Amino acid sequence: QVQVVESGGGLVQAGGSRRLSCAASGRTFDTYHMGWFRQAPGKEREFVAVISWRGDLTYYSDGVKGRFTISRDNAKNTVYLQMNSLKPEDTAVYYCAADRGVFGPHLRTTYEYDYWGQGTQVTVSS
């Protein structure tokens, strides 16, 4: 079992940067693929990025590709989301999630994930 806790959210101006962290408990963190999702008010939760357990494979949504970077440090049981060139439409609660299985495009969907954090709010002002 894995428990995940997000941090790093806050208020940032458009064009700015922010790094989110997701700290995971458990000895098996390095066997889980880790994803980031976000949910804006009144909208469904949407995929942002995912990284394989070894950190060698990633997927990004088209809306963040080239601006966001997902990475992980298995020695620290932590996954990161570096967000650059932020836009007001990036405003959302950002969630971290963990999945154990085959890495692939199906990890763009929420129902693939076994464990979720409580989320961290990111607000981008214009």
C-alpha atoms as a PDB file:
ATOM      1  CA  GLN A   1       0.000   0.000   0.000  1.00  0.00           C
ATOM      2  CA  VAL A   2       1.140   3.548  -0.783  1.00  0.00           C
ATOM      3  CA  GLN A   3       0.070   6.809   0.757  1.00  0.00           C
ATOM      4  CA  VAL A   4       0.814   9.998  -1.149  1.00  0.00           C
ATOM      5  CA  VAL A   5       0.837  13.606  -0.003  1.00  0.00           C
ATOM      6  CA  GLU A   6       1.111  16.543  -2.382  1.00  0.00           C
ATOM      7  CA  SER A   7       2.719  19.869  -1.560  1.00  0.00           C
ATOM      8  CA  GLY A   8       3.995  22.978  -3.267  1.00  0.00           C
ATOM      9  CA  GLY A   9       0.782  24.563  -4.408  1.00  0.00           C
ATOM     10  CA  GLY A  10       0.043  28.247  -4.062  1.00  0.00           C
ATOM     11  CA  LEU A  11      -0.563  31.478  -5.925  1.00  0.00           C
ATOM     12  CA  VAL A  12       1.638  32.298  -8.896  1.00  0.00           C
ATOM     13  CA  GLN A  13       1.480  34.911 -11.620  1.00  0.00           C
ATOM     14  CA  ALA A  14       0.928  33.974 -15.223  1.00  0.00           C
ATOM     15  CA  GLY A  15       4.223  33.166 -16.896  1.00  0.00           C
ATOM     16  CA  GLY A  16       5.724  32.038 -13.620  1.00  0.00           C
ATOM     17  CA  SER A  17       6.882  28.659 -12.389  1.00  0.00           C
ATOM     18  CA  ARG A  18       6.017  26.302  -9.576  1.00  0.00           C
ATOM     19  CA  ARG A  19       7.242  22.891  -8.511  1.00  0.00           C
ATOM     20  CA  LEU A  20       4.887  20.423  -6.941  1.00  0.00           C
ATOM     21  CA  SER A  21       6.066  17.505  -4.872  1.00  0.00           C
ATOM     22  CA  CYS A  22       4.390  14.242  -4.025  1.00  0.00           C
ATOM     23  CA  ALA A  23       5.852  12.335  -1.107  1.00  0.00           C
ATOM     24  CA  ALA A  24       4.956   8.676  -0.844  1.00  0.00           C
ATOM     25  CA  SER A  25       5.123   6.305   2.061  1.00  0.00           C
ATOM     26  CA  GLY A  26       5.874   2.636   1.791  1.00  0.00           C
ATOM     27  CA  ARG A  27       8.851   0.549   0.822  1.00  0.00           C
ATOM     28  CA  THR A  28       7.525  -0.245  -2.622  1.00  0.00           C
ATOM     29  CA  PHE A  29       7.325   3.272  -4.041  1.00  0.00           C
ATOM     30  CA  ASP A  30       9.823   2.379  -6.738  1.00  0.00           C
ATOM     31  CA  THR A  31       7.468  -0.243  -8.140  1.00  0.00           C
ATOM     32  CA  TYR A  32       4.661   2.265  -8.812  1.00  0.00           C
ATOM     33  CA  HIS A  33       4.066   4.441 -11.814  1.00  0.00           C
ATOM     34  CA  MET A  34       3.163   7.917 -10.619  1.00  0.00           C
ATOM     35  CA  GLY A  35       0.723  10.283 -12.246  1.00  0.00           C
ATOM     36  CA  TRP A  36      -0.361  13.884 -11.845  1.00  0.00           C
ATOM     37  CA  PHE A  37      -3.927  14.947 -12.496  1.00  0.00           C
ATOM     38  CA  ARG A  38      -5.771  18.191 -11.958  1.00  0.00           C
ATOM     39  CA  GLN A  39      -9.314  19.321 -11.420  1.00  0.00           C
ATOM     40  CA  ALA A  40     -10.620  22.817 -11.971  1.00  0.00           C
ATOM     41  CA  PRO A  41     -13.912  24.003 -10.430  1.00  0.00           C
ATOM     42  CA  GLY A  42     -16.876  22.553 -12.266  1.00  0.00           C
ATOM     43  CA  LYS A  43     -14.729  20.321 -14.442  1.00  0.00           C
ATOM     44  CA  GLU A  44     -13.751  16.689 -14.436  1.00  0.00           C
ATOM     45  CA  ARG A  45     -10.402  15.539 -13.184  1.00  0.00           C
ATOM     46  CA  GLU A  46      -7.963  15.459 -16.083  1.00  0.00           C
ATOM     47  CA  PHE A  47      -4.657  13.846 -16.805  1.00  0.00           C
ATOM     48  CA  VAL A  48      -1.496  15.959 -16.669  1.00  0.00           C
ATOM     49  CA  ALA A  49       1.514  13.637 -16.722  1.00  0.00           C
ATOM     50  CA  VAL A  50       2.712  10.185 -15.701  1.00  0.00           C
ATOM     51  CA  ILE A  51       6.129   8.666 -15.125  1.00  0.00           C
ATOM     52  CA  SER A  52       7.113   5.010 -15.048  1.00  0.00           C
ATOM     53  CA  TRP A  53       8.494   3.398 -11.928  1.00  0.00           C
ATOM     54  CA  ARG A  54      12.034   3.584 -13.271  1.00  0.00           C
ATOM     55  CA  GLY A  55      11.606   7.150 -14.425  1.00  0.00           C
ATOM     56  CA  ASP A  56      12.514   6.353 -18.012  1.00  0.00           C
ATOM     57  CA  LEU A  57       9.083   6.720 -19.610  1.00  0.00           C
ATOM     58  CA  THR A  58       6.665   9.618 -19.480  1.00  0.00           C
ATOM     59  CA  TYR A  59       3.406  10.813 -20.986  1.00  0.00           C
ATOM     60  CA  TYR A  60       2.062  14.357 -20.963  1.00  0.00           C
ATOM     61  CA  SER A  61      -1.241  15.888 -21.877  1.00  0.00           C
ATOM     62  CA  ASP A  62      -1.139  18.079 -24.943  1.00  0.00           C
ATOM     63  CA  GLY A  63      -2.046  21.103 -22.841  1.00  0.00           C
ATOM     64  CA  VAL A  64       1.101  20.935 -20.713  1.00  0.00           C
ATOM     65  CA  LYS A  65       3.618  19.340 -23.058  1.00  0.00           C
ATOM     66  CA  GLY A  66       6.681  21.535 -23.338  1.00  0.00           C
ATOM     67  CA  ARG A  67       5.802  23.499 -20.207  1.00  0.00           C
ATOM     68  CA  PHE A  68       5.583  20.864 -17.458  1.00  0.00           C
ATOM     69  CA  THR A  69       8.140  18.216 -16.539  1.00  0.00           C
ATOM     70  CA  ILE A  70       7.505  15.179 -14.382  1.00  0.00           C
ATOM     71  CA  SER A  71      10.386  13.512 -12.579  1.00  0.00           C
ATOM     72  CA  ARG A  72      10.995  11.253  -9.627  1.00  0.00           C
ATOM     73  CA  ASP A  73      13.595  10.451  -7.026  1.00  0.00           C
ATOM     74  CA  ASN A  74      13.068   6.907  -5.816  1.00  0.00           C
ATOM     75  CA  ALA A  75      15.664   7.314  -3.087  1.00  0.00           C
ATOM     76  CA  LYS A  76      13.460  10.057  -1.613  1.00  0.00           C
ATOM     77  CA  ASN A  77      10.124   8.398  -2.428  1.00  0.00           C
ATOM     78  CA  THR A  78       9.118  11.582  -4.197  1.00  0.00           C
ATOM     79  CA  VAL A  79       7.743  12.557  -7.566  1.00  0.00           C
ATOM     80  CA  TYR A  80       7.837  16.124  -8.851  1.00  0.00           C
ATOM     81  CA  LEU A  81       5.952  18.246 -11.315  1.00  0.00           C
ATOM     82  CA  GLN A  82       7.894  21.259 -12.534  1.00  0.00           C
ATOM     83  CA  MET A  83       5.468  23.731 -14.050  1.00  0.00           C
ATOM     84  CA  ASN A  84       6.786  26.571 -16.203  1.00  0.00           C
ATOM     85  CA  SER A  85       5.094  29.268 -18.270  1.00  0.00           C
ATOM     86  CA  LEU A  86       1.971  28.909 -16.184  1.00  0.00           C
ATOM     87  CA  LYS A  87      -1.339  30.136 -17.533  1.00  0.00           C
ATOM     88  CA  PRO A  88      -4.574  31.061 -15.749  1.00  0.00           C
ATOM     89  CA  GLU A  89      -6.163  27.939 -17.235  1.00  0.00           C
ATOM     90  CA  ASP A  90      -3.670  25.843 -15.267  1.00  0.00           C
ATOM     91  CA  THR A  91      -5.513  26.850 -12.113  1.00  0.00           C
ATOM     92  CA  ALA A  92      -6.759  23.686 -10.430  1.00  0.00           C
ATOM     93  CA  VAL A  93      -6.299  21.286  -7.580  1.00  0.00           C
ATOM     94  CA  TYR A  94      -3.409  19.022  -8.530  1.00  0.00           C
ATOM     95  CA  TYR A  95      -3.481  15.392  -7.451  1.00  0.00           C
ATOM     96  CA  CYS A  96      -0.816  12.743  -7.312  1.00  0.00           C
ATOM     97  CA  ALA A  97      -1.712   9.113  -7.912  1.00  0.00           C
ATOM     98  CA  ALA A  98       0.023   5.740  -7.884  1.00  0.00           C
ATOM     99  CA  ASP A  99      -0.486   2.673 -10.031  1.00  0.00           C
ATOM    100  CA  ARG A 100       1.183  -0.699 -10.206  1.00  0.00           C
ATOM    101  CA  GLY A 101       0.998  -2.494 -13.509  1.00  0.00           C
ATOM    102  CA  VAL A 102       1.973  -2.194 -17.101  1.00  0.00           C
ATOM    103  CA  PHE A 103       3.039   1.276 -18.208  1.00  0.00           C
ATOM    104  CA  GLY A 104       1.121   2.580 -21.152  1.00  0.00           C
ATOM    105  CA  PRO A 105      -1.305   5.166 -22.578  1.00  0.00           C
ATOM    106  CA  HIS A 106      -4.107   3.768 -20.391  1.00  0.00           C
ATOM    107  CA  LEU A 107      -2.463   5.586 -17.477  1.00  0.00           C
ATOM    108  CA  ARG A 108      -3.999   8.795 -18.812  1.00  0.00           C
ATOM    109  CA  THR A 109      -7.258   7.739 -17.175  1.00  0.00           C
ATOM    110  CA  THR A 110      -8.150   8.225 -13.536  1.00  0.00           C
ATOM    111  CA  TYR A 111      -9.663   4.800 -12.935  1.00  0.00           C
ATOM    112  CA  GLU A 112      -6.327   3.069 -13.533  1.00  0.00           C
ATOM    113  CA  TYR A 113      -4.869   4.387 -10.303  1.00  0.00           C
ATOM    114  CA  ASP A 114      -5.025   2.659  -6.961  1.00  0.00           C
ATOM    115  CA  TYR A 115      -3.948   5.423  -4.591  1.00  0.00           C
ATOM    116  CA  TRP A 116      -4.608   9.149  -4.545  1.00  0.00           C
ATOM    117  CA  GLY A 117      -3.496  12.107  -2.503  1.00  0.00           C
ATOM    118  CA  GLN A 118      -5.684  14.907  -1.176  1.00  0.00           C
ATOM    119  CA  GLY A 119      -4.482  17.439  -3.691  1.00  0.00           C
ATOM    120  CA  THR A 120      -2.763  20.807  -3.612  1.00  0.00           C
ATOM    121  CA  GLN A 121      -4.262  24.003  -4.979  1.00  0.00           C
ATOM    122  CA  VAL A 122      -2.457  25.929  -7.703  1.00  0.00           C
ATOM    123  CA  THR A 123      -3.855  29.318  -8.642  1.00  0.00           C
ATOM    124  CA  VAL A 124      -2.433  31.258 -11.562  1.00  0.00           C
ATOM    125  CA  SER A 125      -3.322  34.932 -11.657  1.00  0.00           C
ATOM    126  CA  SER A 126      -3.446  36.884 -14.884  1.00  0.00           C
END
